[in-house]
C-alpha atoms as a PDB file:
ATOM      1  CA  MET A   1      26.837  37.352  17.404  1.00  0.00           C
ATOM      2  CA  THR A   2      25.165  35.076  15.348  1.00  0.00           C
ATOM      3  CA  THR A   3      22.083  36.006  13.491  1.00  0.00           C
ATOM      4  CA  GLU A   4      19.183  32.989  12.965  1.00  0.00           C
ATOM      5  CA  SER A   5      16.657  33.739  10.269  1.00  0.00           C
ATOM      6  CA  VAL A   6      13.597  32.350  10.910  1.00  0.00           C
ATOM      7  CA  VAL A   7      11.423  30.951   7.492  1.00  0.00           C
ATOM      8  CA  GLU A   8       8.116  31.243   7.731  1.00  0.00           C
ATOM      9  CA  LEU A   9       6.590  27.901   6.404  1.00  0.00           C
ATOM     10  CA  GLY A  10       2.735  28.659   6.958  1.00  0.00           C
ATOM     11  CA  ARG A  11       0.119  26.404   8.338  1.00  0.00           C
ATOM     12  CA  GLY A  12       0.461  22.707   7.749  1.00  0.00           C
ATOM     13  CA  TRP A  13      -0.413  19.119   9.445  1.00  0.00           C
ATOM     14  CA  PRO A  14       1.385  18.224  12.737  1.00  0.00           C
ATOM     15  CA  GLY A  15       3.951  15.360  12.440  1.00  0.00           C
ATOM     16  CA  TRP A  16       2.151  12.453  13.457  1.00  0.00           C
ATOM     17  CA  VAL A  17      -0.296  12.292  10.459  1.00  0.00           C
ATOM     18  CA  PRO A  18       1.407   9.974   8.735  1.00  0.00           C
ATOM     19  CA  ARG A  19       1.543   7.633  11.860  1.00  0.00           C
ATOM     20  CA  LEU A  20      -2.031   7.879  12.397  1.00  0.00           C
ATOM     21  CA  VAL A  21      -2.573   7.142   8.576  1.00  0.00           C
ATOM     22  CA  LEU A  22      -0.513   4.163   9.505  1.00  0.00           C
ATOM     23  CA  MET A  23      -2.420   3.165  12.123  1.00  0.00           C
ATOM     24  CA  LEU A  24      -6.170   3.559  10.672  1.00  0.00           C
ATOM     25  CA  SER A  25      -4.448   1.643   7.272  1.00  0.00           C
ATOM     26  CA  GLY A  26      -3.170  -0.983   9.552  1.00  0.00           C
ATOM     27  CA  LEU A  27      -6.430  -1.497  11.375  1.00  0.00           C
ATOM     28  CA  GLY A  28      -8.409  -1.134   8.412  1.00  0.00           C
ATOM     29  CA  ALA A  29      -6.629  -4.083   7.135  1.00  0.00           C
ATOM     30  CA  ALA A  30      -6.824  -6.292   9.715  1.00  0.00           C
ATOM     31  CA  GLY A  31     -10.307  -5.280  10.000  1.00  0.00           C
ATOM     32  CA  VAL A  32     -10.995  -6.959   6.295  1.00  0.00           C
ATOM     33  CA  LEU A  33     -10.157 -10.050   7.508  1.00  0.00           C
ATOM     34  CA  LEU A  34     -13.138  -9.875   9.781  1.00  0.00           C
ATOM     35  CA  LEU A  35     -14.925 -10.692   6.656  1.00  0.00           C
ATOM     36  CA  ASP A  36     -13.515 -13.914   6.103  1.00  0.00           C
ATOM     37  CA  PRO A  37     -14.636 -16.698   8.677  1.00  0.00           C
ATOM     38  CA  ARG A  38     -11.586 -19.003   8.239  1.00  0.00           C
ATOM     39  CA  VAL A  39      -9.202 -16.200   9.756  1.00  0.00           C
ATOM     40  CA  ASN A  40      -7.937 -17.930  12.834  1.00  0.00           C
ATOM     41  CA  GLY A  41      -9.123 -15.464  15.872  1.00  0.00           C
ATOM     42  CA  ILE A  42      -5.809 -15.390  17.558  1.00  0.00           C
ATOM     43  CA  ALA A  43      -4.104 -14.531  14.508  1.00  0.00           C
ATOM     44  CA  LEU A  44      -6.417 -11.894  13.577  1.00  0.00           C
ATOM     45  CA  GLY A  45      -5.808 -10.509  17.418  1.00  0.00           C
ATOM     46  CA  PHE A  46      -1.870 -10.539  16.850  1.00  0.00           C
ATOM     47  CA  LEU A  47      -2.602  -8.809  13.688  1.00  0.00           C
ATOM     48  CA  ILE A  48      -5.158  -5.825  15.236  1.00  0.00           C
ATOM     49  CA  ALA A  49      -2.515  -5.769  17.987  1.00  0.00           C
ATOM     50  CA  PHE A  50       0.503  -5.333  15.616  1.00  0.00           C
ATOM     51  CA  ALA A  51      -1.456  -2.761  13.697  1.00  0.00           C
ATOM     52  CA  LEU A  52      -1.690  -0.641  16.845  1.00  0.00           C
ATOM     53  CA  VAL A  53       1.407  -1.253  17.418  1.00  0.00           C
ATOM     54  CA  VAL A  54       3.322  -0.574  13.967  1.00  0.00           C
ATOM     55  CA  PRO A  55       3.248   3.521  14.388  1.00  0.00           C
ATOM     56  CA  TRP A  56       5.146   4.154  17.341  1.00  0.00           C
ATOM     57  CA  VAL A  57       8.117   1.972  15.202  1.00  0.00           C
ATOM     58  CA  PRO A  58       7.404   2.646  11.296  1.00  0.00           C
ATOM     59  CA  ALA A  59      11.443   3.024  10.262  1.00  0.00           C
ATOM     60  CA  THR A  60      11.851  -1.017  11.321  1.00  0.00           C
ATOM     61  CA  PRO A  61      10.352  -3.999   9.752  1.00  0.00           C
ATOM     62  CA  ALA A  62       7.283  -3.897  11.610  1.00  0.00           C
ATOM     63  CA  PRO A  63       5.006  -2.462   8.489  1.00  0.00           C
ATOM     64  CA  ALA A  64       6.489  -4.885   6.236  1.00  0.00           C
ATOM     65  CA  ILE A  65       5.924  -7.630   8.783  1.00  0.00           C
ATOM     66  CA  LEU A  66       2.124  -6.349   8.973  1.00  0.00           C
ATOM     67  CA  ILE A  67       2.072  -6.342   5.307  1.00  0.00           C
ATOM     68  CA  GLY A  68       3.365  -9.935   4.808  1.00  0.00           C
ATOM     69  CA  GLY A  69       1.158 -11.200   7.965  1.00  0.00           C
ATOM     70  CA  ILE A  70      -2.225 -10.002   6.529  1.00  0.00           C
ATOM     71  CA  ALA A  71      -1.234 -10.799   2.805  1.00  0.00           C
ATOM     72  CA  VAL A  72      -0.644 -14.701   4.513  1.00  0.00           C
ATOM     73  CA  ALA A  73      -3.842 -14.540   5.850  1.00  0.00           C
ATOM     74  CA  VAL A  74      -5.461 -13.343   2.675  1.00  0.00           C
ATOM     75  CA  ALA A  75      -3.435 -15.748   0.645  1.00  0.00           C
ATOM     76  CA  ALA A  76      -4.225 -18.433   3.012  1.00  0.00           C
ATOM     77  CA  GLY A  77      -8.422 -18.539   2.253  1.00  0.00           C
ATOM     78  CA  ASN A  78      -9.844 -20.390  -0.518  1.00  0.00           C
ATOM     79  CA  GLY A  79     -11.808 -18.654  -2.782  1.00  0.00           C
ATOM     80  CA  ASP A  80     -11.687 -16.743  -5.622  1.00  0.00           C
ATOM     81  CA  VAL A  81      -8.219 -14.366  -6.015  1.00  0.00           C
ATOM     82  CA  LEU A  82     -10.452 -11.532  -7.239  1.00  0.00           C
ATOM     83  CA  ARG A  83     -12.962 -11.898  -3.907  1.00  0.00           C
ATOM     84  CA  PRO A  84     -14.046  -8.394  -2.399  1.00  0.00           C
ATOM     85  CA  GLU A  85     -11.389  -8.671   0.569  1.00  0.00           C
ATOM     86  CA  VAL A  86      -8.601  -9.131  -1.587  1.00  0.00           C
ATOM     87  CA  LEU A  87      -9.577  -5.995  -3.789  1.00  0.00           C
ATOM     88  CA  ALA A  88      -9.912  -4.357  -0.633  1.00  0.00           C
ATOM     89  CA  GLU A  89      -6.717  -5.016   0.789  1.00  0.00           C
ATOM     90  CA  ILE A  90      -4.299  -4.110  -2.292  1.00  0.00           C
ATOM     91  CA  PRO A  91      -5.135  -0.250  -1.678  1.00  0.00           C
ATOM     92  CA  LEU A  92      -4.928  -0.588   2.626  1.00  0.00           C
ATOM     93  CA  LEU A  93      -1.948  -2.449   2.427  1.00  0.00           C
ATOM     94  CA  HIS A  94      -0.028   0.082   0.082  1.00  0.00           C
ATOM     95  CA  LEU A  95      -0.954   2.577   1.985  1.00  0.00           C
ATOM     96  CA  VAL A  96       0.120   0.685   5.208  1.00  0.00           C
ATOM     97  CA  HIS A  97       3.477   0.740   3.199  1.00  0.00           C
ATOM     98  CA  VAL A  98       3.336   4.981   1.804  1.00  0.00           C
ATOM     99  CA  SER A  99       2.487   5.940   5.130  1.00  0.00           C
ATOM    100  CA  ALA A 100       4.779   3.798   7.151  1.00  0.00           C
ATOM    101  CA  SER A 101       7.817   5.286   4.712  1.00  0.00           C
ATOM    102  CA  PHE A 102       6.042   8.901   5.744  1.00  0.00           C
ATOM    103  CA  GLY A 103       6.267   8.195   9.131  1.00  0.00           C
ATOM    104  CA  ALA A 104       9.395   7.324   9.000  1.00  0.00           C
ATOM    105  CA  LEU A 105      11.170  10.037   7.576  1.00  0.00           C
ATOM    106  CA  VAL A 106       8.765  12.930   9.001  1.00  0.00           C
ATOM    107  CA  PRO A 107       9.527  13.265  13.434  1.00  0.00           C
ATOM    108  CA  VAL A 108       6.529  13.633  15.329  1.00  0.00           C
ATOM    109  CA  ARG A 109       6.902  16.936  16.547  1.00  0.00           C
ATOM    110  CA  ALA A 110       7.244  18.061  12.768  1.00  0.00           C
ATOM    111  CA  VAL A 111       4.783  20.353  10.389  1.00  0.00           C
ATOM    112  CA  ILE A 112       4.029  19.041   7.244  1.00  0.00           C
ATOM    113  CA  ARG A 113       2.918  21.196   4.328  1.00  0.00           C
ATOM    114  CA  PRO A 114       0.290  19.241   2.514  1.00  0.00           C
ATOM    115  CA  GLY A 115       1.689  19.997  -0.965  1.00  0.00           C
ATOM    116  CA  ALA A 116       4.757  17.572   0.147  1.00  0.00           C
ATOM    117  CA  PHE A 117       2.243  14.519  -0.253  1.00  0.00           C
ATOM    118  CA  ALA A 118       1.150  16.049  -3.891  1.00  0.00           C
ATOM    119  CA  ARG A 119       3.904  13.741  -5.514  1.00  0.00           C
ATOM    120  CA  PRO A 120       3.345  10.637  -3.510  1.00  0.00           C
ATOM    121  CA  LEU A 121      -0.213  10.822  -4.012  1.00  0.00           C
ATOM    122  CA  ARG A 122       0.047  11.131  -7.274  1.00  0.00           C
ATOM    123  CA  ARG A 123       1.896   7.946  -7.353  1.00  0.00           C
ATOM    124  CA  PHE A 124      -0.414   6.507  -5.149  1.00  0.00           C
ATOM    125  CA  VAL A 125      -3.079   6.881  -7.071  1.00  0.00           C
ATOM    126  CA  VAL A 126      -1.466   5.757 -10.458  1.00  0.00           C
ATOM    127  CA  VAL A 127      -0.310   2.526  -8.993  1.00  0.00           C
ATOM    128  CA  GLN A 128      -3.670   1.734  -7.500  1.00  0.00           C
ATOM    129  CA  ALA A 129      -5.464   2.875 -11.186  1.00  0.00           C
ATOM    130  CA  VAL A 130      -2.710   0.390 -12.844  1.00  0.00           C
ATOM    131  CA  THR A 131      -3.362  -2.518 -10.447  1.00  0.00           C
ATOM    132  CA  PHE A 132      -6.967  -2.330 -10.376  1.00  0.00           C
ATOM    133  CA  ALA A 133      -7.073  -2.183 -14.624  1.00  0.00           C
ATOM    134  CA  VAL A 134      -4.881  -5.341 -14.434  1.00  0.00           C
ATOM    135  CA  ALA A 135      -7.214  -6.818 -11.774  1.00  0.00           C
ATOM    136  CA  GLY A 136     -10.031  -6.055 -14.143  1.00  0.00           C
ATOM    137  CA  VAL A 137      -8.676  -7.349 -17.535  1.00  0.00           C
ATOM    138  CA  ALA A 138      -8.279 -10.811 -15.258  1.00  0.00           C
ATOM    139  CA  ALA A 139     -11.762 -10.903 -13.794  1.00  0.00           C
ATOM    140  CA  LEU A 140     -12.521 -10.369 -17.925  1.00  0.00           C
ATOM    141  CA  LEU A 141     -10.041 -13.599 -18.696  1.00  0.00           C
ATOM    142  CA  PRO A 142     -11.559 -16.932 -19.015  1.00  0.00           C
ATOM    143  CA  THR A 143     -10.300 -19.294 -16.357  1.00  0.00           C
ATOM    144  CA  GLY A 144      -9.805 -22.937 -18.162  1.00  0.00           C
ATOM    145  CA  ARG A 145      -6.838 -23.216 -20.056  1.00  0.00           C
ATOM    146  CA  ASN A 146      -5.621 -20.841 -22.545  1.00  0.00           C
ATOM    147  CA  PRO A 147      -3.899 -21.386 -26.111  1.00  0.00           C
ATOM    148  CA  THR A 148      -0.392 -20.922 -25.821  1.00  0.00           C
ATOM    149  CA  VAL A 149      -0.533 -17.978 -28.435  1.00  0.00           C
ATOM    150  CA  VAL A 150      -2.421 -16.174 -26.166  1.00  0.00           C
ATOM    151  CA  GLU A 151      -0.333 -17.122 -23.275  1.00  0.00           C
ATOM    152  CA  PHE A 152       2.568 -15.587 -25.307  1.00  0.00           C
ATOM    153  CA  ALA A 153       0.834 -12.717 -26.220  1.00  0.00           C
ATOM    154  CA  GLY A 154       0.211 -11.886 -22.467  1.00  0.00           C
ATOM    155  CA  LEU A 155       3.481 -12.439 -21.474  1.00  0.00           C
ATOM    156  CA  VAL A 156       4.697 -10.486 -24.533  1.00  0.00           C
ATOM    157  CA  ALA A 157       2.103  -7.405 -23.345  1.00  0.00           C
ATOM    158  CA  SER A 158       3.148  -7.601 -19.815  1.00  0.00           C
ATOM    159  CA  THR A 159       6.764  -7.315 -20.588  1.00  0.00           C
ATOM    160  CA  GLY A 160       6.248  -3.993 -22.931  1.00  0.00           C
ATOM    161  CA  LEU A 161       4.407  -2.629 -20.381  1.00  0.00           C
ATOM    162  CA  VAL A 162       6.807  -3.150 -17.730  1.00  0.00           C
ATOM    163  CA  GLY A 163       9.289  -1.595 -20.344  1.00  0.00           C
ATOM    164  CA  VAL A 164       6.932   1.252 -20.949  1.00  0.00           C
ATOM    165  CA  ALA A 165       7.142   1.857 -16.995  1.00  0.00           C
ATOM    166  CA  ILE A 166      10.834   1.456 -17.009  1.00  0.00           C
ATOM    167  CA  TRP A 167      11.373   4.317 -19.566  1.00  0.00           C
ATOM    168  CA  LEU A 168       8.544   6.548 -18.008  1.00  0.00           C
ATOM    169  CA  VAL A 169      10.832   6.763 -14.708  1.00  0.00           C
ATOM    170  CA  ALA A 170      13.898   6.326 -16.367  1.00  0.00           C
ATOM    171  CA  ARG A 171      12.991   9.991 -18.421  1.00  0.00           C
ATOM    172  CA  ARG A 172      12.246  11.948 -15.428  1.00  0.00           C
ATOM    173  CA  ARG A 173      15.233  12.093 -13.887  1.00  0.00           C
END
């Protein structure tokens, strides 16, 4: 006779929540392209349809293809690199990436404890804060030719930031 022990975890979210977030963030990222009149209507329709399909297959290359397709459509547009469409796509496409990973790992019929999202959410916020801090600094920089010493200082500073980031990640392990 086998005795099975049941562990009651309490209430949680259904396993389809990450896939819903994936669909909404993908549709949001594709919807931002509606603001750019230079985006081809057929390409936009394909990206919107693809954003609807991706949640059904999150463990495939489909999320990466969606991210790449939207990134190419944004990059093909002329204009300032820090225009509102680009700044809106940054967190939306990052959310597509993160929610696709959860959607790939969590079965649809599972129950997820909200606490399971605490560390990934914190990481998401930190990455977005750093990204927008860099974008803010980039917005303040002159757009003309910089002296060589300024270019070198920027290279050293960015290398130092990467080193600090690697050190922080390695220290936690």
